[in-house]
Amino acid sequence: MSHVTTHVLDAVAGTPAQGVAVALSQRGSDGWEPLASAVTNADGRVGDFGPDKLEPGIYQVHFDTGMYFSKRDQPTFYPEVTIVFEVTDGAHYHVPLLLSPFAYSTYRGS
């Protein structure tokens, strides 16, 4: 399993958000360095996302929510969502996104 996983749930539809482009980056001395990219599966998940191990540091998961809503002819206030988080140890990091066209929420999952 990857050190970081994610999933996206469409809170309005009450279903997994399939087809959301997601990118993982690490903050370096020259800005954000891309590590991995993927698209959520039929369950709204990305299970194989990035390296098996991340060094302590600051990371971000970027979600292309605009494209997801565009495919559904749904206007959205948030065309992109970026979640920045800190890795401090060797634990698994699950970064979920609960999404609607005009709001979103996240938490540290398990």
N, C-alpha and C. Protein backbone atom coordinates (compact mmCIF):
# COMPACT_ATOMS: atom_id res chain seq x y z
N MET A 1 0.85 -1.18 0.00
CA MET A 1 0.00 0.00 0.00
C MET A 1 0.89 1.24 0.00
N SER A 2 0.43 2.24 -0.69
CA SER A 2 1.15 3.50 -0.73
C SER A 2 1.11 4.17 0.65
N HIS A 3 2.08 4.98 0.92
CA HIS A 3 2.16 5.72 2.18
C HIS A 3 0.98 6.69 2.31
N VAL A 4 0.54 7.24 1.17
CA VAL A 4 -0.61 8.15 1.14
C VAL A 4 -1.68 7.55 0.24
N THR A 5 -2.91 7.56 0.72
CA THR A 5 -4.06 7.17 -0.09
C THR A 5 -5.10 8.26 0.03
N THR A 6 -6.08 8.23 -0.86
CA THR A 6 -7.15 9.22 -0.81
C THR A 6 -8.42 8.62 -1.37
N HIS A 7 -9.52 9.26 -1.06
CA HIS A 7 -10.77 8.97 -1.74
C HIS A 7 -11.61 10.23 -1.75
N VAL A 8 -12.51 10.30 -2.73
CA VAL A 8 -13.37 11.47 -2.89
C VAL A 8 -14.81 10.98 -2.89
N LEU A 9 -15.62 11.60 -2.05
CA LEU A 9 -17.04 11.29 -1.98
C LEU A 9 -17.83 12.51 -2.42
N ASP A 10 -18.77 12.31 -3.32
CA ASP A 10 -19.65 13.37 -3.78
C ASP A 10 -20.79 13.46 -2.76
N ALA A 11 -20.75 14.48 -1.92
CA ALA A 11 -21.71 14.61 -0.82
C ALA A 11 -23.12 14.93 -1.31
N VAL A 12 -23.25 15.53 -2.48
CA VAL A 12 -24.58 15.83 -3.02
C VAL A 12 -25.23 14.57 -3.59
N ALA A 13 -24.48 13.84 -4.38
CA ALA A 13 -25.02 12.63 -5.00
C ALA A 13 -25.05 11.46 -4.02
N GLY A 14 -24.21 11.54 -2.97
CA GLY A 14 -24.13 10.44 -2.02
C GLY A 14 -23.43 9.23 -2.60
N THR A 15 -22.51 9.48 -3.52
CA THR A 15 -21.78 8.40 -4.19
C THR A 15 -20.29 8.71 -4.24
N PRO A 16 -19.47 7.70 -4.49
CA PRO A 16 -18.05 7.96 -4.73
C PRO A 16 -17.88 8.84 -5.97
N ALA A 17 -16.88 9.70 -5.95
CA ALA A 17 -16.61 10.59 -7.09
C ALA A 17 -15.57 9.92 -7.98
N GLN A 18 -16.06 9.24 -9.00
CA GLN A 18 -15.19 8.55 -9.95
C GLN A 18 -14.65 9.54 -10.98
N GLY A 19 -13.37 9.37 -11.34
CA GLY A 19 -12.78 10.15 -12.43
C GLY A 19 -12.19 11.49 -12.03
N VAL A 20 -11.91 11.70 -10.73
CA VAL A 20 -11.28 12.93 -10.28
C VAL A 20 -9.76 12.78 -10.42
N ALA A 21 -9.14 13.68 -11.16
CA ALA A 21 -7.67 13.68 -11.28
C ALA A 21 -7.07 14.20 -9.97
N VAL A 22 -6.06 13.47 -9.48
CA VAL A 22 -5.45 13.77 -8.20
C VAL A 22 -3.93 13.76 -8.38
N ALA A 23 -3.24 14.71 -7.73
CA ALA A 23 -1.78 14.77 -7.80
C ALA A 23 -1.20 14.94 -6.41
N LEU A 24 -0.09 14.26 -6.15
CA LEU A 24 0.64 14.35 -4.88
C LEU A 24 1.96 15.04 -5.13
N SER A 25 2.28 16.04 -4.30
CA SER A 25 3.55 16.77 -4.43
C SER A 25 4.17 16.96 -3.06
N GLN A 26 5.47 17.17 -3.05
CA GLN A 26 6.21 17.45 -1.83
C GLN A 26 6.80 18.85 -1.93
N ARG A 27 6.75 19.59 -0.83
CA ARG A 27 7.35 20.93 -0.83
C ARG A 27 8.85 20.80 -0.68
N GLY A 28 9.56 21.36 -1.64
CA GLY A 28 11.01 21.36 -1.61
C GLY A 28 11.53 22.78 -1.52
N SER A 29 12.82 22.93 -1.59
CA SER A 29 13.43 24.26 -1.48
C SER A 29 13.09 25.15 -2.68
N ASP A 30 12.74 24.55 -3.81
CA ASP A 30 12.39 25.31 -5.02
C ASP A 30 10.90 25.27 -5.35
N GLY A 31 10.07 24.93 -4.36
CA GLY A 31 8.63 24.86 -4.60
C GLY A 31 8.12 23.43 -4.51
N TRP A 32 6.98 23.18 -5.14
CA TRP A 32 6.34 21.87 -5.08
C TRP A 32 6.93 20.94 -6.13
N GLU A 33 7.32 19.75 -5.68
CA GLU A 33 7.90 18.73 -6.56
C GLU A 33 6.89 17.61 -6.74
N PRO A 34 6.43 17.35 -7.97
CA PRO A 34 5.46 16.30 -8.21
C PRO A 34 6.01 14.92 -7.86
N LEU A 35 5.17 14.11 -7.22
CA LEU A 35 5.55 12.74 -6.86
C LEU A 35 4.71 11.69 -7.56
N ALA A 36 3.41 11.98 -7.72
CA ALA A 36 2.51 10.98 -8.30
C ALA A 36 1.24 11.66 -8.79
N SER A 37 0.58 10.99 -9.71
CA SER A 37 -0.74 11.44 -10.15
C SER A 37 -1.58 10.21 -10.45
N ALA A 38 -2.89 10.37 -10.33
CA ALA A 38 -3.80 9.25 -10.56
C ALA A 38 -5.20 9.81 -10.79
N VAL A 39 -6.13 8.92 -11.05
CA VAL A 39 -7.54 9.27 -11.21
C VAL A 39 -8.33 8.34 -10.30
N THR A 40 -9.32 8.90 -9.60
CA THR A 40 -10.11 8.07 -8.69
C THR A 40 -10.86 6.98 -9.47
N ASN A 41 -10.94 5.81 -8.85
CA ASN A 41 -11.60 4.67 -9.49
C ASN A 41 -13.11 4.70 -9.23
N ALA A 42 -13.81 3.64 -9.58
CA ALA A 42 -15.27 3.58 -9.45
C ALA A 42 -15.73 3.75 -8.00
N ASP A 43 -14.84 3.44 -7.05
CA ASP A 43 -15.15 3.61 -5.63
C ASP A 43 -14.68 4.97 -5.12
N GLY A 44 -14.22 5.85 -6.03
CA GLY A 44 -13.75 7.18 -5.65
C GLY A 44 -12.39 7.17 -4.96
N ARG A 45 -11.66 6.07 -5.08
CA ARG A 45 -10.41 5.91 -4.33
C ARG A 45 -9.18 5.89 -5.24
N VAL A 46 -8.07 6.28 -4.63
CA VAL A 46 -6.74 6.09 -5.21
C VAL A 46 -5.94 5.34 -4.16
N GLY A 47 -5.73 4.06 -4.37
CA GLY A 47 -5.03 3.24 -3.40
C GLY A 47 -3.55 3.13 -3.66
N ASP A 48 -3.16 3.19 -4.92
CA ASP A 48 -1.75 3.10 -5.28
C ASP A 48 -1.31 4.50 -5.71
N PHE A 49 -0.88 5.27 -4.73
CA PHE A 49 -0.66 6.70 -4.94
C PHE A 49 0.64 7.12 -4.31
N GLY A 50 1.66 7.22 -5.12
CA GLY A 50 2.94 7.70 -4.61
C GLY A 50 3.79 6.59 -4.04
N PRO A 51 4.88 6.98 -3.44
CA PRO A 51 5.85 6.01 -2.94
C PRO A 51 5.32 5.22 -1.74
N ASP A 52 5.99 4.08 -1.49
CA ASP A 52 5.64 3.27 -0.33
C ASP A 52 6.02 3.97 0.97
N LYS A 53 6.98 4.88 0.91
CA LYS A 53 7.48 5.58 2.11
C LYS A 53 7.74 7.03 1.76
N LEU A 54 7.30 7.92 2.62
CA LEU A 54 7.58 9.35 2.46
C LEU A 54 8.46 9.82 3.61
N GLU A 55 9.40 10.67 3.30
CA GLU A 55 10.22 11.28 4.33
C GLU A 55 9.40 12.33 5.06
N PRO A 56 9.73 12.63 6.31
CA PRO A 56 9.04 13.72 6.99
C PRO A 56 9.13 15.00 6.17
N GLY A 57 8.03 15.74 6.11
CA GLY A 57 7.99 16.97 5.34
C GLY A 57 6.58 17.42 5.08
N ILE A 58 6.45 18.44 4.23
CA ILE A 58 5.16 19.01 3.88
C ILE A 58 4.77 18.50 2.49
N TYR A 59 3.54 18.03 2.38
CA TYR A 59 3.03 17.46 1.13
C TYR A 59 1.68 18.09 0.80
N GLN A 60 1.26 17.93 -0.44
CA GLN A 60 -0.07 18.38 -0.82
C GLN A 60 -0.71 17.36 -1.75
N VAL A 61 -2.02 17.24 -1.62
CA VAL A 61 -2.83 16.47 -2.56
C VAL A 61 -3.71 17.49 -3.27
N HIS A 62 -3.65 17.49 -4.59
CA HIS A 62 -4.39 18.44 -5.42
C HIS A 62 -5.46 17.68 -6.20
N PHE A 63 -6.71 18.14 -6.10
CA PHE A 63 -7.84 17.50 -6.75
C PHE A 63 -8.38 18.42 -7.85
N ASP A 64 -8.57 17.90 -9.05
CA ASP A 64 -9.15 18.66 -10.15
C ASP A 64 -10.67 18.51 -10.08
N THR A 65 -11.29 19.25 -9.19
CA THR A 65 -12.73 19.15 -8.97
C THR A 65 -13.53 19.81 -10.08
N GLY A 66 -12.95 20.82 -10.72
CA GLY A 66 -13.64 21.50 -11.81
C GLY A 66 -13.96 20.56 -12.95
N MET A 67 -13.01 19.73 -13.32
CA MET A 67 -13.22 18.78 -14.41
C MET A 67 -14.31 17.78 -14.02
N TYR A 68 -14.28 17.32 -12.77
CA TYR A 68 -15.29 16.38 -12.29
C TYR A 68 -16.69 16.97 -12.45
N PHE A 69 -16.89 18.19 -11.97
CA PHE A 69 -18.21 18.82 -12.05
C PHE A 69 -18.57 19.21 -13.48
N SER A 70 -17.60 19.60 -14.27
CA SER A 70 -17.84 19.97 -15.66
C SER A 70 -18.44 18.79 -16.44
N LYS A 71 -17.94 17.60 -16.19
CA LYS A 71 -18.46 16.40 -16.86
C LYS A 71 -19.90 16.12 -16.47
N ARG A 72 -20.35 16.71 -15.38
CA ARG A 72 -21.73 16.53 -14.92
C ARG A 72 -22.60 17.75 -15.19
N ASP A 73 -22.07 18.69 -15.98
CA ASP A 73 -22.77 19.95 -16.27
C ASP A 73 -23.22 20.63 -14.98
N GLN A 74 -22.35 20.60 -13.99
CA GLN A 74 -22.64 21.18 -12.67
C GLN A 74 -21.67 22.33 -12.41
N PRO A 75 -22.16 23.55 -12.24
CA PRO A 75 -21.25 24.64 -11.86
C PRO A 75 -20.68 24.40 -10.47
N THR A 76 -19.48 24.91 -10.25
CA THR A 76 -18.85 24.75 -8.95
C THR A 76 -18.08 26.02 -8.59
N PHE A 77 -18.01 26.30 -7.32
CA PHE A 77 -17.24 27.43 -6.82
C PHE A 77 -15.77 27.06 -6.64
N TYR A 78 -15.50 25.76 -6.49
CA TYR A 78 -14.14 25.28 -6.24
C TYR A 78 -13.66 24.42 -7.41
N PRO A 79 -13.03 25.02 -8.42
CA PRO A 79 -12.55 24.24 -9.55
C PRO A 79 -11.33 23.38 -9.19
N GLU A 80 -10.69 23.71 -8.08
CA GLU A 80 -9.55 22.93 -7.59
C GLU A 80 -9.60 22.92 -6.07
N VAL A 81 -9.16 21.81 -5.50
CA VAL A 81 -9.02 21.72 -4.05
C VAL A 81 -7.62 21.20 -3.78
N THR A 82 -6.90 21.89 -2.92
CA THR A 82 -5.56 21.46 -2.52
C THR A 82 -5.52 21.31 -1.01
N ILE A 83 -5.11 20.14 -0.56
CA ILE A 83 -4.99 19.86 0.86
C ILE A 83 -3.51 19.71 1.18
N VAL A 84 -3.02 20.56 2.05
CA VAL A 84 -1.61 20.54 2.45
C VAL A 84 -1.54 19.89 3.83
N PHE A 85 -0.59 18.96 4.00
CA PHE A 85 -0.48 18.24 5.27
C PHE A 85 0.99 17.93 5.55
N GLU A 86 1.26 17.57 6.78
CA GLU A 86 2.63 17.30 7.20
C GLU A 86 2.80 15.83 7.58
N VAL A 87 3.82 15.19 7.01
CA VAL A 87 4.20 13.83 7.36
C VAL A 87 5.28 13.94 8.43
N THR A 88 5.03 13.31 9.57
CA THR A 88 5.98 13.38 10.68
C THR A 88 6.56 12.03 11.06
N ASP A 89 5.94 10.96 10.58
CA ASP A 89 6.39 9.63 10.99
C ASP A 89 6.11 8.63 9.87
N GLY A 90 6.31 7.36 10.16
CA GLY A 90 6.13 6.32 9.16
C GLY A 90 4.71 5.81 9.04
N ALA A 91 3.75 6.45 9.70
CA ALA A 91 2.37 5.99 9.67
C ALA A 91 1.76 6.17 8.28
N HIS A 92 0.70 5.44 8.03
CA HIS A 92 -0.06 5.59 6.79
C HIS A 92 -0.88 6.88 6.87
N TYR A 93 -0.95 7.62 5.77
CA TYR A 93 -1.71 8.87 5.72
C TYR A 93 -2.83 8.71 4.69
N HIS A 94 -4.07 8.79 5.17
CA HIS A 94 -5.23 8.74 4.29
C HIS A 94 -5.85 10.13 4.29
N VAL A 95 -5.96 10.74 3.10
CA VAL A 95 -6.41 12.13 2.97
C VAL A 95 -7.69 12.13 2.12
N PRO A 96 -8.85 12.02 2.76
CA PRO A 96 -10.11 12.00 2.02
C PRO A 96 -10.65 13.40 1.73
N LEU A 97 -11.53 13.47 0.75
CA LEU A 97 -12.19 14.72 0.39
C LEU A 97 -13.69 14.45 0.27
N LEU A 98 -14.48 15.19 1.04
CA LEU A 98 -15.94 15.17 0.92
C LEU A 98 -16.30 16.40 0.12
N LEU A 99 -16.93 16.20 -1.02
CA LEU A 99 -17.05 17.25 -2.03
C LEU A 99 -18.49 17.56 -2.39
N SER A 100 -18.78 18.84 -2.55
CA SER A 100 -20.02 19.30 -3.16
C SER A 100 -19.65 20.51 -4.02
N PRO A 101 -20.54 20.99 -4.87
CA PRO A 101 -20.18 22.08 -5.77
C PRO A 101 -19.79 23.39 -5.06
N PHE A 102 -20.29 23.59 -3.84
CA PHE A 102 -20.04 24.87 -3.17
C PHE A 102 -19.47 24.69 -1.76
N ALA A 103 -18.94 23.52 -1.48
CA ALA A 103 -18.32 23.27 -0.17
C ALA A 103 -17.47 22.01 -0.27
N TYR A 104 -16.50 21.90 0.62
CA TYR A 104 -15.75 20.66 0.76
C TYR A 104 -15.24 20.55 2.18
N SER A 105 -14.89 19.32 2.54
CA SER A 105 -14.39 19.04 3.88
C SER A 105 -13.36 17.93 3.77
N THR A 106 -12.47 17.89 4.72
CA THR A 106 -11.46 16.84 4.75
C THR A 106 -11.13 16.52 6.20
N TYR A 107 -10.43 15.43 6.42
CA TYR A 107 -9.99 15.02 7.75
C TYR A 107 -8.84 14.04 7.56
N ARG A 108 -8.14 13.76 8.63
CA ARG A 108 -7.11 12.72 8.53
C ARG A 108 -7.76 11.38 8.76
N GLY A 109 -7.81 10.60 7.71
CA GLY A 109 -8.42 9.27 7.79
C GLY A 109 -7.45 8.24 8.27
N SER A 110 -7.90 7.00 8.28
CA SER A 110 -7.04 5.90 8.74
C SER A 110 -6.99 4.81 7.69
